Amino acid sequence: MNTTHEIVLGQIVKSKAGRDKDRIFIVVRMVDEEYVLIADGDLRKIDNAKKKKMKHLQKYNIISDEVKSRIENNDKINNLLLRRELEKLGLI
């Protein structure tokens, strides 16, 4: 189907459009072929994740294994974890 984006859970992405332009986020859920939910634990909390079109995201070749494995195992993800992952990568 839509393989041009190949965005995966836990991937670090940057918004290319909208009010959150140039902000860094982590993909927390795949919605469908076109949309994902993103959060950064700061401006966008995990319980209010932003639904965003993949074409409006610039993907980094970085995947947070911690976030990805927690999502896949249905473990709790909190805002602190998201912020810590982004900080660890030097992105915030």
PDB file of N, CA and C in Angstrom:
ATOM      1  N   MET A   1       0.823  -1.194   0.000  1.00  0.00           N
ATOM      2  CA  MET A   1       0.000   0.000   0.000  1.00  0.00           C
ATOM      3  C   MET A   1       0.872   1.265   0.000  1.00  0.00           C
ATOM      4  N   ASN A   2       0.835   1.965   1.135  1.00  0.00           N
ATOM      5  CA  ASN A   2       1.551   3.240   1.208  1.00  0.00           C
ATOM      6  C   ASN A   2       2.901   3.039   1.888  1.00  0.00           C
ATOM      7  N   THR A   3       3.857   2.535   1.146  1.00  0.00           N
ATOM      8  CA  THR A   3       5.150   2.198   1.743  1.00  0.00           C
ATOM      9  C   THR A   3       6.169   3.324   1.635  1.00  0.00           C
ATOM     10  N   THR A   4       5.777   4.454   1.085  1.00  0.00           N
ATOM     11  CA  THR A   4       6.734   5.541   0.908  1.00  0.00           C
ATOM     12  C   THR A   4       7.174   6.143   2.237  1.00  0.00           C
ATOM     13  N   HIS A   5       6.318   6.028   3.260  1.00  0.00           N
ATOM     14  CA  HIS A   5       6.658   6.681   4.519  1.00  0.00           C
ATOM     15  C   HIS A   5       7.398   5.764   5.476  1.00  0.00           C
ATOM     16  N   GLU A   6       6.934   4.544   5.586  1.00  0.00           N
ATOM     17  CA  GLU A   6       7.587   3.548   6.435  1.00  0.00           C
ATOM     18  C   GLU A   6       7.900   4.073   7.825  1.00  0.00           C
ATOM     19  N   ILE A   7       6.949   4.768   8.404  1.00  0.00           N
ATOM     20  CA  ILE A   7       7.100   5.243   9.772  1.00  0.00           C
ATOM     21  C   ILE A   7       6.657   4.112  10.693  1.00  0.00           C
ATOM     22  N   VAL A   8       7.422   3.885  11.755  1.00  0.00           N
ATOM     23  CA  VAL A   8       7.113   2.783  12.664  1.00  0.00           C
ATOM     24  C   VAL A   8       6.923   3.304  14.090  1.00  0.00           C
ATOM     25  N   LEU A   9       6.362   2.469  14.938  1.00  0.00           N
ATOM     26  CA  LEU A   9       6.171   2.819  16.351  1.00  0.00           C
ATOM     27  C   LEU A   9       7.506   3.185  16.992  1.00  0.00           C
ATOM     28  N   GLY A  10       7.485   4.201  17.817  1.00  0.00           N
ATOM     29  CA  GLY A  10       8.703   4.590  18.519  1.00  0.00           C
ATOM     30  C   GLY A  10       9.650   5.433  17.691  1.00  0.00           C
ATOM     31  N   GLN A  11       9.292   5.687  16.443  1.00  0.00           N
ATOM     32  CA  GLN A  11      10.176   6.466  15.567  1.00  0.00           C
ATOM     33  C   GLN A  11      10.172   7.940  15.954  1.00  0.00           C
ATOM     34  N   ILE A  12      11.332   8.551  15.844  1.00  0.00           N
ATOM     35  CA  ILE A  12      11.450   9.983  16.103  1.00  0.00           C
ATOM     36  C   ILE A  12      11.086  10.695  14.801  1.00  0.00           C
ATOM     37  N   VAL A  13      10.178  11.664  14.910  1.00  0.00           N
ATOM     38  CA  VAL A  13       9.742  12.407  13.726  1.00  0.00           C
ATOM     39  C   VAL A  13       9.717  13.897  14.037  1.00  0.00           C
ATOM     40  N   LYS A  14       9.760  14.690  12.973  1.00  0.00           N
ATOM     41  CA  LYS A  14       9.678  16.142  13.109  1.00  0.00           C
ATOM     42  C   LYS A  14       8.502  16.626  12.286  1.00  0.00           C
ATOM     43  N   SER A  15       7.684  17.478  12.866  1.00  0.00           N
ATOM     44  CA  SER A  15       6.518  18.006  12.165  1.00  0.00           C
ATOM     45  C   SER A  15       6.965  18.978  11.081  1.00  0.00           C
ATOM     46  N   LYS A  16       6.409  18.805   9.884  1.00  0.00           N
ATOM     47  CA  LYS A  16       6.743  19.690   8.766  1.00  0.00           C
ATOM     48  C   LYS A  16       5.666  20.726   8.511  1.00  0.00           C
ATOM     49  N   ALA A  17       4.508  20.589   9.184  1.00  0.00           N
ATOM     50  CA  ALA A  17       3.395  21.499   8.913  1.00  0.00           C
ATOM     51  C   ALA A  17       2.557  21.698  10.162  1.00  0.00           C
ATOM     52  N   GLY A  18       1.812  22.791  10.172  1.00  0.00           N
ATOM     53  CA  GLY A  18       0.893  23.056  11.276  1.00  0.00           C
ATOM     54  C   GLY A  18       1.517  23.898  12.368  1.00  0.00           C
ATOM     55  N   ARG A  19       0.759  24.072  13.442  1.00  0.00           N
ATOM     56  CA  ARG A  19       1.240  24.910  14.551  1.00  0.00           C
ATOM     57  C   ARG A  19       2.447  24.313  15.241  1.00  0.00           C
ATOM     58  N   ASP A  20       2.569  22.974  15.146  1.00  0.00           N
ATOM     59  CA  ASP A  20       3.692  22.307  15.817  1.00  0.00           C
ATOM     60  C   ASP A  20       4.888  22.113  14.880  1.00  0.00           C
ATOM     61  N   LYS A  21       4.923  22.871  13.797  1.00  0.00           N
ATOM     62  CA  LYS A  21       6.009  22.768  12.810  1.00  0.00           C
ATOM     63  C   LYS A  21       7.380  22.841  13.487  1.00  0.00           C
ATOM     64  N   ASP A  22       8.288  21.992  13.043  1.00  0.00           N
ATOM     65  CA  ASP A  22       9.680  21.926  13.532  1.00  0.00           C
ATOM     66  C   ASP A  22       9.827  21.353  14.941  1.00  0.00           C
ATOM     67  N   ARG A  23       8.751  20.879  15.538  1.00  0.00           N
ATOM     68  CA  ARG A  23       8.872  20.212  16.837  1.00  0.00           C
ATOM     69  C   ARG A  23       9.155  18.727  16.624  1.00  0.00           C
ATOM     70  N   ILE A  24       9.857  18.154  17.592  1.00  0.00           N
ATOM     71  CA  ILE A  24      10.224  16.739  17.534  1.00  0.00           C
ATOM     72  C   ILE A  24       9.234  15.929  18.361  1.00  0.00           C
ATOM     73  N   PHE A  25       8.799  14.799  17.816  1.00  0.00           N
ATOM     74  CA  PHE A  25       7.842  13.929  18.489  1.00  0.00           C
ATOM     75  C   PHE A  25       8.274  12.474  18.368  1.00  0.00           C
ATOM     76  N   ILE A  26       7.575  11.620  19.113  1.00  0.00           N
ATOM     77  CA  ILE A  26       7.757  10.174  18.991  1.00  0.00           C
ATOM     78  C   ILE A  26       6.423   9.587  18.555  1.00  0.00           C
ATOM     79  N   VAL A  27       6.462   8.684  17.586  1.00  0.00           N
ATOM     80  CA  VAL A  27       5.240   8.021  17.128  1.00  0.00           C
ATOM     81  C   VAL A  27       4.795   7.039  18.203  1.00  0.00           C
ATOM     82  N   VAL A  28       3.571   7.235  18.722  1.00  0.00           N
ATOM     83  CA  VAL A  28       3.076   6.376  19.791  1.00  0.00           C
ATOM     84  C   VAL A  28       1.983   5.418  19.331  1.00  0.00           C
ATOM     85  N   ARG A  29       1.421   5.645  18.151  1.00  0.00           N
ATOM     86  CA  ARG A  29       0.426   4.715  17.637  1.00  0.00           C
ATOM     87  C   ARG A  29       0.228   4.874  16.139  1.00  0.00           C
ATOM     88  N   MET A  30       0.028   3.759  15.457  1.00  0.00           N
ATOM     89  CA  MET A  30      -0.312   3.799  14.043  1.00  0.00           C
ATOM     90  C   MET A  30      -1.837   3.826  13.978  1.00  0.00           C
ATOM     91  N   VAL A  31      -2.404   4.805  13.291  1.00  0.00           N
ATOM     92  CA  VAL A  31      -3.855   4.895  13.199  1.00  0.00           C
ATOM     93  C   VAL A  31      -4.337   4.118  11.980  1.00  0.00           C
ATOM     94  N   ASP A  32      -3.790   4.453  10.813  1.00  0.00           N
ATOM     95  CA  ASP A  32      -4.129   3.739   9.577  1.00  0.00           C
ATOM     96  C   ASP A  32      -3.007   3.961   8.567  1.00  0.00           C
ATOM     97  N   GLU A  33      -3.300   3.807   7.298  1.00  0.00           N
ATOM     98  CA  GLU A  33      -2.275   3.944   6.253  1.00  0.00           C
ATOM     99  C   GLU A  33      -1.722   5.365   6.181  1.00  0.00           C
ATOM    100  N   GLU A  34      -2.526   6.317   6.621  1.00  0.00           N
ATOM    101  CA  GLU A  34      -2.180   7.718   6.412  1.00  0.00           C
ATOM    102  C   GLU A  34      -1.811   8.477   7.680  1.00  0.00           C
ATOM    103  N   TYR A  35      -2.366   8.044   8.808  1.00  0.00           N
ATOM    104  CA  TYR A  35      -2.209   8.794  10.059  1.00  0.00           C
ATOM    105  C   TYR A  35      -1.470   8.018  11.143  1.00  0.00           C
ATOM    106  N   VAL A  36      -0.785   8.788  12.006  1.00  0.00           N
ATOM    107  CA  VAL A  36      -0.172   8.232  13.216  1.00  0.00           C
ATOM    108  C   VAL A  36      -0.513   9.169  14.375  1.00  0.00           C
ATOM    109  N   LEU A  37      -0.348   8.677  15.588  1.00  0.00           N
ATOM    110  CA  LEU A  37      -0.474   9.540  16.761  1.00  0.00           C
ATOM    111  C   LEU A  37       0.934   9.835  17.263  1.00  0.00           C
ATOM    112  N   ILE A  38       1.188  11.111  17.536  1.00  0.00           N
ATOM    113  CA  ILE A  38       2.515  11.513  18.002  1.00  0.00           C
ATOM    114  C   ILE A  38       2.392  12.269  19.321  1.00  0.00           C
ATOM    115  N   ALA A  39       3.435  12.178  20.142  1.00  0.00           N
ATOM    116  CA  ALA A  39       3.481  12.894  21.411  1.00  0.00           C
ATOM    117  C   ALA A  39       4.934  13.184  21.747  1.00  0.00           C
ATOM    118  N   ASP A  40       5.148  14.207  22.581  1.00  0.00           N
ATOM    119  CA  ASP A  40       6.521  14.505  23.011  1.00  0.00           C
ATOM    120  C   ASP A  40       6.649  14.560  24.531  1.00  0.00           C
ATOM    121  N   GLY A  41       5.529  14.350  25.229  1.00  0.00           N
ATOM    122  CA  GLY A  41       5.578  14.357  26.684  1.00  0.00           C
ATOM    123  C   GLY A  41       5.636  15.742  27.289  1.00  0.00           C
ATOM    124  N   ASP A  42       5.631  16.770  26.438  1.00  0.00           N
ATOM    125  CA  ASP A  42       5.747  18.136  26.925  1.00  0.00           C
ATOM    126  C   ASP A  42       4.562  18.951  26.408  1.00  0.00           C
ATOM    127  N   LEU A  43       4.674  19.458  25.196  1.00  0.00           N
ATOM    128  CA  LEU A  43       3.580  20.194  24.568  1.00  0.00           C
ATOM    129  C   LEU A  43       2.419  19.244  24.269  1.00  0.00           C
ATOM    130  N   ARG A  44       2.752  18.066  23.789  1.00  0.00           N
ATOM    131  CA  ARG A  44       1.754  17.041  23.465  1.00  0.00           C
ATOM    132  C   ARG A  44       1.919  15.871  24.411  1.00  0.00           C
ATOM    133  N   LYS A  45       1.057  15.809  25.401  1.00  0.00           N
ATOM    134  CA  LYS A  45       1.127  14.717  26.371  1.00  0.00           C
ATOM    135  C   LYS A  45       0.629  13.419  25.739  1.00  0.00           C
ATOM    136  N   ILE A  46       1.013  12.306  26.330  1.00  0.00           N
ATOM    137  CA  ILE A  46       0.668  10.986  25.800  1.00  0.00           C
ATOM    138  C   ILE A  46      -0.848  10.767  25.767  1.00  0.00           C
ATOM    139  N   ASP A  47      -1.563  11.294  26.763  1.00  0.00           N
ATOM    140  CA  ASP A  47      -3.013  11.086  26.788  1.00  0.00           C
ATOM    141  C   ASP A  47      -3.766  12.057  25.881  1.00  0.00           C
ATOM    142  N   ASN A  48      -3.028  12.938  25.236  1.00  0.00           N
ATOM    143  CA  ASN A  48      -3.631  13.870  24.277  1.00  0.00           C
ATOM    144  C   ASN A  48      -2.777  13.896  23.017  1.00  0.00           C
ATOM    145  N   ALA A  49      -2.381  12.717  22.577  1.00  0.00           N
ATOM    146  CA  ALA A  49      -1.481  12.608  21.431  1.00  0.00           C
ATOM    147  C   ALA A  49      -2.112  13.222  20.189  1.00  0.00           C
ATOM    148  N   LYS A  50      -1.276  13.763  19.317  1.00  0.00           N
ATOM    149  CA  LYS A  50      -1.747  14.445  18.115  1.00  0.00           C
ATOM    150  C   LYS A  50      -1.869  13.474  16.963  1.00  0.00           C
ATOM    151  N   LYS A  51      -3.026  13.518  16.302  1.00  0.00           N
ATOM    152  CA  LYS A  51      -3.207  12.708  15.103  1.00  0.00           C
ATOM    153  C   LYS A  51      -2.630  13.512  13.948  1.00  0.00           C
ATOM    154  N   LYS A  52      -1.695  12.911  13.238  1.00  0.00           N
ATOM    155  CA  LYS A  52      -0.967  13.652  12.210  1.00  0.00           C
ATOM    156  C   LYS A  52      -0.818  12.806  10.960  1.00  0.00           C
ATOM    157  N   LYS A  53      -0.951  13.448   9.809  1.00  0.00           N
ATOM    158  CA  LYS A  53      -0.719  12.731   8.548  1.00  0.00           C
ATOM    159  C   LYS A  53       0.768  12.450   8.415  1.00  0.00           C
ATOM    160  N   MET A  54       1.090  11.246   7.975  1.00  0.00           N
ATOM    161  CA  MET A  54       2.505  10.876   7.842  1.00  0.00           C
ATOM    162  C   MET A  54       3.235  11.778   6.863  1.00  0.00           C
ATOM    163  N   LYS A  55       2.518  12.254   5.840  1.00  0.00           N
ATOM    164  CA  LYS A  55       3.192  13.096   4.852  1.00  0.00           C
ATOM    165  C   LYS A  55       3.611  14.445   5.438  1.00  0.00           C
ATOM    166  N   HIS A  56       3.067  14.801   6.607  1.00  0.00           N
ATOM    167  CA  HIS A  56       3.457  16.040   7.269  1.00  0.00           C
ATOM    168  C   HIS A  56       4.569  15.832   8.280  1.00  0.00           C
ATOM    169  N   LEU A  57       5.142  14.631   8.289  1.00  0.00           N
ATOM    170  CA  LEU A  57       6.211  14.327   9.222  1.00  0.00           C
ATOM    171  C   LEU A  57       7.501  14.013   8.485  1.00  0.00           C
ATOM    172  N   GLN A  58       8.581  14.548   9.009  1.00  0.00           N
ATOM    173  CA  GLN A  58       9.898  14.188   8.499  1.00  0.00           C
ATOM    174  C   GLN A  58      10.432  13.145   9.461  1.00  0.00           C
ATOM    175  N   LYS A  59      10.779  11.971   8.937  1.00  0.00           N
ATOM    176  CA  LYS A  59      11.220  10.933   9.860  1.00  0.00           C
ATOM    177  C   LYS A  59      12.727  10.966  10.036  1.00  0.00           C
ATOM    178  N   TYR A  60      13.129  10.673  11.249  1.00  0.00           N
ATOM    179  CA  TYR A  60      14.552  10.517  11.556  1.00  0.00           C
ATOM    180  C   TYR A  60      14.828   9.020  11.527  1.00  0.00           C
ATOM    181  N   ASN A  61      16.036   8.657  11.229  1.00  0.00           N
ATOM    182  CA  ASN A  61      16.381   7.235  11.237  1.00  0.00           C
ATOM    183  C   ASN A  61      16.730   6.797  12.648  1.00  0.00           C
ATOM    184  N   ILE A  62      15.887   7.219  13.581  1.00  0.00           N
ATOM    185  CA  ILE A  62      16.094   6.888  14.989  1.00  0.00           C
ATOM    186  C   ILE A  62      14.790   6.300  15.507  1.00  0.00           C
ATOM    187  N   ILE A  63      14.889   5.185  16.179  1.00  0.00           N
ATOM    188  CA  ILE A  63      13.712   4.580  16.788  1.00  0.00           C
ATOM    189  C   ILE A  63      14.011   4.358  18.260  1.00  0.00           C
ATOM    190  N   SER A  64      13.123   4.821  19.107  1.00  0.00           N
ATOM    191  CA  SER A  64      13.282   4.609  20.540  1.00  0.00           C
ATOM    192  C   SER A  64      12.849   3.177  20.847  1.00  0.00           C
ATOM    193  N   ASP A  65      13.822   2.321  21.086  1.00  0.00           N
ATOM    194  CA  ASP A  65      13.521   0.915  21.369  1.00  0.00           C
ATOM    195  C   ASP A  65      12.700   0.778  22.647  1.00  0.00           C
ATOM    196  N   GLU A  66      12.984   1.632  23.610  1.00  0.00           N
ATOM    197  CA  GLU A  66      12.263   1.610  24.880  1.00  0.00           C
ATOM    198  C   GLU A  66      10.768   1.855  24.662  1.00  0.00           C
ATOM    199  N   VAL A  67      10.451   2.916  23.930  1.00  0.00           N
ATOM    200  CA  VAL A  67       9.051   3.255  23.654  1.00  0.00           C
ATOM    201  C   VAL A  67       8.408   2.168  22.802  1.00  0.00           C
ATOM    202  N   LYS A  68       9.114   1.746  21.780  1.00  0.00           N
ATOM    203  CA  LYS A  68       8.577   0.728  20.866  1.00  0.00           C
ATOM    204  C   LYS A  68       8.241  -0.570  21.606  1.00  0.00           C
ATOM    205  N   SER A  69       9.157  -1.050  22.426  1.00  0.00           N
ATOM    206  CA  SER A  69       8.914  -2.311  23.122  1.00  0.00           C
ATOM    207  C   SER A  69       7.784  -2.174  24.145  1.00  0.00           C
ATOM    208  N   ARG A  70       7.696  -1.017  24.791  1.00  0.00           N
ATOM    209  CA  ARG A  70       6.610  -0.812  25.753  1.00  0.00           C
ATOM    210  C   ARG A  70       5.256  -0.811  25.059  1.00  0.00           C
ATOM    211  N   ILE A  71       5.181  -0.173  23.903  1.00  0.00           N
ATOM    212  CA  ILE A  71       3.914  -0.146  23.160  1.00  0.00           C
ATOM    213  C   ILE A  71       3.551  -1.558  22.723  1.00  0.00           C
ATOM    214  N   GLU A  72       4.511  -2.280  22.180  1.00  0.00           N
ATOM    215  CA  GLU A  72       4.252  -3.632  21.690  1.00  0.00           C
ATOM    216  C   GLU A  72       3.847  -4.582  22.818  1.00  0.00           C
ATOM    217  N   ASN A  73       4.352  -4.334  24.028  1.00  0.00           N
ATOM    218  CA  ASN A  73       4.015  -5.181  25.168  1.00  0.00           C
ATOM    219  C   ASN A  73       2.846  -4.625  25.981  1.00  0.00           C
ATOM    220  N   ASN A  74       2.204  -3.594  25.447  1.00  0.00           N
ATOM    221  CA  ASN A  74       1.093  -2.929  26.133  1.00  0.00           C
ATOM    222  C   ASN A  74       1.467  -2.427  27.520  1.00  0.00           C
ATOM    223  N   ASP A  75       2.724  -2.046  27.689  1.00  0.00           N
ATOM    224  CA  ASP A  75       3.153  -1.460  28.957  1.00  0.00           C
ATOM    225  C   ASP A  75       2.805   0.025  28.956  1.00  0.00           C
ATOM    226  N   LYS A  76       2.760   0.593  30.143  1.00  0.00           N
ATOM    227  CA  LYS A  76       2.410   2.014  30.275  1.00  0.00           C
ATOM    228  C   LYS A  76       3.545   2.890  29.750  1.00  0.00           C
ATOM    229  N   ILE A  77       3.160   3.906  29.019  1.00  0.00           N
ATOM    230  CA  ILE A  77       4.132   4.910  28.568  1.00  0.00           C
ATOM    231  C   ILE A  77       3.712   6.210  29.227  1.00  0.00           C
ATOM    232  N   ASN A  78       4.658   6.900  29.830  1.00  0.00           N
ATOM    233  CA  ASN A  78       4.296   8.180  30.427  1.00  0.00           C
ATOM    234  C   ASN A  78       5.072   9.316  29.772  1.00  0.00           C
ATOM    235  N   ASN A  79       4.679  10.528  30.112  1.00  0.00           N
ATOM    236  CA  ASN A  79       5.286  11.707  29.497  1.00  0.00           C
ATOM    237  C   ASN A  79       6.764  11.828  29.838  1.00  0.00           C
ATOM    238  N   LEU A  80       7.115  11.428  31.061  1.00  0.00           N
ATOM    239  CA  LEU A  80       8.514  11.488  31.474  1.00  0.00           C
ATOM    240  C   LEU A  80       9.381  10.608  30.573  1.00  0.00           C
ATOM    241  N   LEU A  81       8.880   9.416  30.264  1.00  0.00           N
ATOM    242  CA  LEU A  81       9.631   8.510  29.387  1.00  0.00           C
ATOM    243  C   LEU A  81       9.870   9.149  28.022  1.00  0.00           C
ATOM    244  N   LEU A  82       8.841   9.751  27.452  1.00  0.00           N
ATOM    245  CA  LEU A  82       8.980  10.386  26.137  1.00  0.00           C
ATOM    246  C   LEU A  82      10.004  11.514  26.186  1.00  0.00           C
ATOM    247  N   ARG A  83       9.892  12.358  27.214  1.00  0.00           N
ATOM    248  CA  ARG A  83      10.852  13.468  27.337  1.00  0.00           C
ATOM    249  C   ARG A  83      12.270  12.957  27.528  1.00  0.00           C
ATOM    250  N   ARG A  84      12.401  11.904  28.364  1.00  0.00           N
ATOM    251  CA  ARG A  84      13.730  11.357  28.634  1.00  0.00           C
ATOM    252  C   ARG A  84      14.355  10.778  27.367  1.00  0.00           C
ATOM    253  N   GLU A  85      13.540  10.087  26.571  1.00  0.00           N
ATOM    254  CA  GLU A  85      14.054   9.520  25.314  1.00  0.00           C
ATOM    255  C   GLU A  85      14.520  10.625  24.373  1.00  0.00           C
ATOM    256  N   LEU A  86      13.738  11.691  24.258  1.00  0.00           N
ATOM    257  CA  LEU A  86      14.114  12.804  23.379  1.00  0.00           C
ATOM    258  C   LEU A  86      15.353  13.523  23.905  1.00  0.00           C
ATOM    259  N   GLU A  87      15.453  13.663  25.215  1.00  0.00           N
ATOM    260  CA  GLU A  87      16.622  14.295  25.815  1.00  0.00           C
ATOM    261  C   GLU A  87      17.871  13.464  25.591  1.00  0.00           C
ATOM    262  N   LYS A  88      17.716  12.152  25.757  1.00  0.00           N
ATOM    263  CA  LYS A  88      18.838  11.228  25.586  1.00  0.00           C
ATOM    264  C   LYS A  88      19.434  11.362  24.183  1.00  0.00           C
ATOM    265  N   LEU A  89      18.561  11.612  23.218  1.00  0.00           N
ATOM    266  CA  LEU A  89      19.000  11.764  21.831  1.00  0.00           C
ATOM    267  C   LEU A  89      19.431  13.189  21.520  1.00  0.00           C
ATOM    268  N   GLY A  90      19.348  14.063  22.518  1.00  0.00           N
ATOM    269  CA  GLY A  90      19.756  15.449  22.330  1.00  0.00           C
ATOM    270  C   GLY A  90      18.819  16.249  21.453  1.00  0.00           C
ATOM    271  N   LEU A  91      17.554  15.871  21.435  1.00  0.00           N
ATOM    272  CA  LEU A  91      16.620  16.537  20.527  1.00  0.00           C
ATOM    273  C   LEU A  91      15.753  17.588  21.204  1.00  0.00           C
ATOM    274  N   ILE A  92      15.814  17.663  22.550  1.00  0.00           N
ATOM    275  CA  ILE A  92      15.090  18.753  23.224  1.00  0.00           C
ATOM    276  C   ILE A  92      15.978  19.373  24.285  1.00  0.00           C
TER     277      ILE A  92
END
